[in-house]
Protein backbone atom coordinates (compact mmCIF):
# COMPACT_ATOMS: atom_id res chain seq x y z
CA MET A 1 -50.91 43.96 -4.28
CA ASN A 2 -49.23 43.43 -7.62
CA PRO A 3 -48.19 46.39 -9.82
CA GLN A 4 -51.00 45.91 -12.36
CA THR A 5 -53.70 45.95 -9.69
CA PHE A 6 -52.14 49.01 -8.10
CA THR A 7 -52.09 50.79 -11.46
CA VAL A 8 -55.76 49.98 -12.09
CA VAL A 9 -56.73 51.22 -8.62
CA VAL A 10 -54.83 54.47 -9.14
CA GLU A 11 -56.45 54.98 -12.58
CA ILE A 12 -59.93 54.39 -11.15
CA PHE A 13 -59.22 56.80 -8.28
CA CYS A 14 -58.00 59.45 -10.73
CA CYS A 15 -61.11 59.07 -12.91
CA VAL A 16 -63.44 59.30 -9.91
CA PHE A 17 -61.56 62.32 -8.58
CA ALA A 18 -61.67 64.06 -11.99
CA ALA A 19 -65.40 63.37 -12.31
CA ALA A 20 -66.01 64.75 -8.80
CA VAL A 21 -64.07 67.91 -9.61
CA LEU A 22 -66.04 68.44 -12.83
CA VAL A 23 -69.36 67.94 -11.05
CA TYR A 24 -68.32 70.36 -8.29
CA VAL A 25 -67.20 73.04 -10.74
CA PHE A 26 -70.06 72.88 -13.22
CA LEU A 27 -73.04 71.94 -11.03
CA PRO A 28 -75.12 75.05 -10.31
CA SER A 29 -75.31 76.20 -6.73
CA ARG A 30 -78.57 75.62 -4.86
CA ASP A 31 -78.40 78.89 -2.95
CA SER A 32 -78.16 81.22 -5.93
CA ASP A 33 -81.23 83.16 -4.78
CA SER A 34 -79.79 83.98 -1.37
CA GLY A 35 -78.82 87.53 -2.35
CA VAL A 36 -79.95 90.39 -0.19
CA ASP A 37 -82.96 92.29 -1.48
CA LYS A 38 -82.13 95.97 -1.67
CA THR A 39 -84.61 98.60 -0.72
CA ARG A 40 -85.02 101.68 -2.87
CA VAL A 41 -83.27 103.81 -0.24
CA VAL A 42 -80.23 101.51 -0.17
CA TYR A 43 -80.06 101.64 -3.97
CA LEU A 44 -80.27 105.45 -3.89
CA TYR A 45 -77.45 105.69 -1.34
CA GLU A 46 -75.27 103.46 -3.50
CA ARG A 47 -76.12 105.46 -6.61
CA LYS A 48 -75.34 108.72 -4.78
CA GLU A 49 -71.88 107.42 -3.90
CA VAL A 50 -71.27 106.50 -7.54
CA VAL A 51 -72.34 109.97 -8.70
CA TYR A 52 -70.08 111.62 -6.09
CA GLU A 53 -67.19 109.49 -7.29
CA ASN A 54 -67.95 110.50 -10.87
CA LEU A 55 -67.90 114.16 -9.81
CA ARG A 56 -64.50 113.70 -8.13
CA ASP A 57 -63.16 111.99 -11.27
CA LEU A 58 -64.58 114.71 -13.50
CA ASN A 59 -62.96 117.45 -11.41
CA PHE A 60 -59.63 115.63 -11.44
CA GLU A 61 -59.71 115.08 -15.21
CA TYR A 62 -60.70 118.71 -15.80
CA ARG A 63 -57.75 119.93 -13.73
CA ALA A 64 -55.52 117.57 -15.69
CA GLY A 65 -56.63 119.30 -18.89
CA LYS A 66 -58.64 116.45 -20.38
CA TYR A 67 -61.91 118.41 -20.68
CA PRO A 68 -62.65 121.80 -22.19
CA GLU A 69 -64.45 124.27 -19.91
CA GLU A 70 -67.81 123.93 -21.67
CA ASP A 71 -67.89 120.12 -21.53
CA PHE A 72 -66.79 120.16 -17.90
CA ARG A 73 -69.53 122.57 -16.87
CA GLU A 74 -72.19 120.61 -18.77
CA GLN A 75 -71.21 117.25 -17.30
CA ARG A 76 -70.81 118.70 -13.81
CA SER A 77 -74.26 120.26 -14.07
CA GLN A 78 -75.80 116.93 -15.13
CA LEU A 79 -74.13 115.06 -12.26
CA GLU A 80 -75.14 117.72 -9.74
CA ASN A 81 -78.75 117.59 -10.97
CA GLU A 82 -78.78 113.81 -10.66
CA THR A 83 -77.39 114.09 -7.14
CA ALA A 84 -80.07 116.59 -6.18
CA GLN A 85 -82.78 114.27 -7.50
CA LEU A 86 -81.31 111.31 -5.60
CA VAL A 87 -81.08 113.23 -2.33
CA ALA A 88 -84.62 114.56 -2.72
CA GLU A 89 -86.02 111.09 -3.31
CA MET A 90 -84.01 109.67 -0.41
CA ASP A 91 -85.36 112.36 1.92
CA HIS A 92 -88.89 111.73 0.73
CA LEU A 93 -88.62 107.96 1.27
CA GLU A 94 -86.98 108.33 4.68
CA ARG A 95 -89.72 110.69 5.86
CA GLN A 96 -92.34 108.13 4.84
CA ALA A 97 -90.67 105.33 6.79
């Protein structure tokens, strides 16, 4: 194989490889709808964990002096109320199942 032919073959290979990479990267996946469907109870459990984490963060930030007493109590009350509603709905749904 002479050097010119070799160079042409390498250039063609590089172009084909680059095109294949672009198609692989930008072509949408066929299994995009394969996500797991969440039930309402699973969503509520996840939301409850988020609210608990927010309560922990709020308590930490209050102890660090970032919140005045009034704001802390108001936000804590809202988070506790949301938690109570979540737990009540979770209990209701689990009793039905």
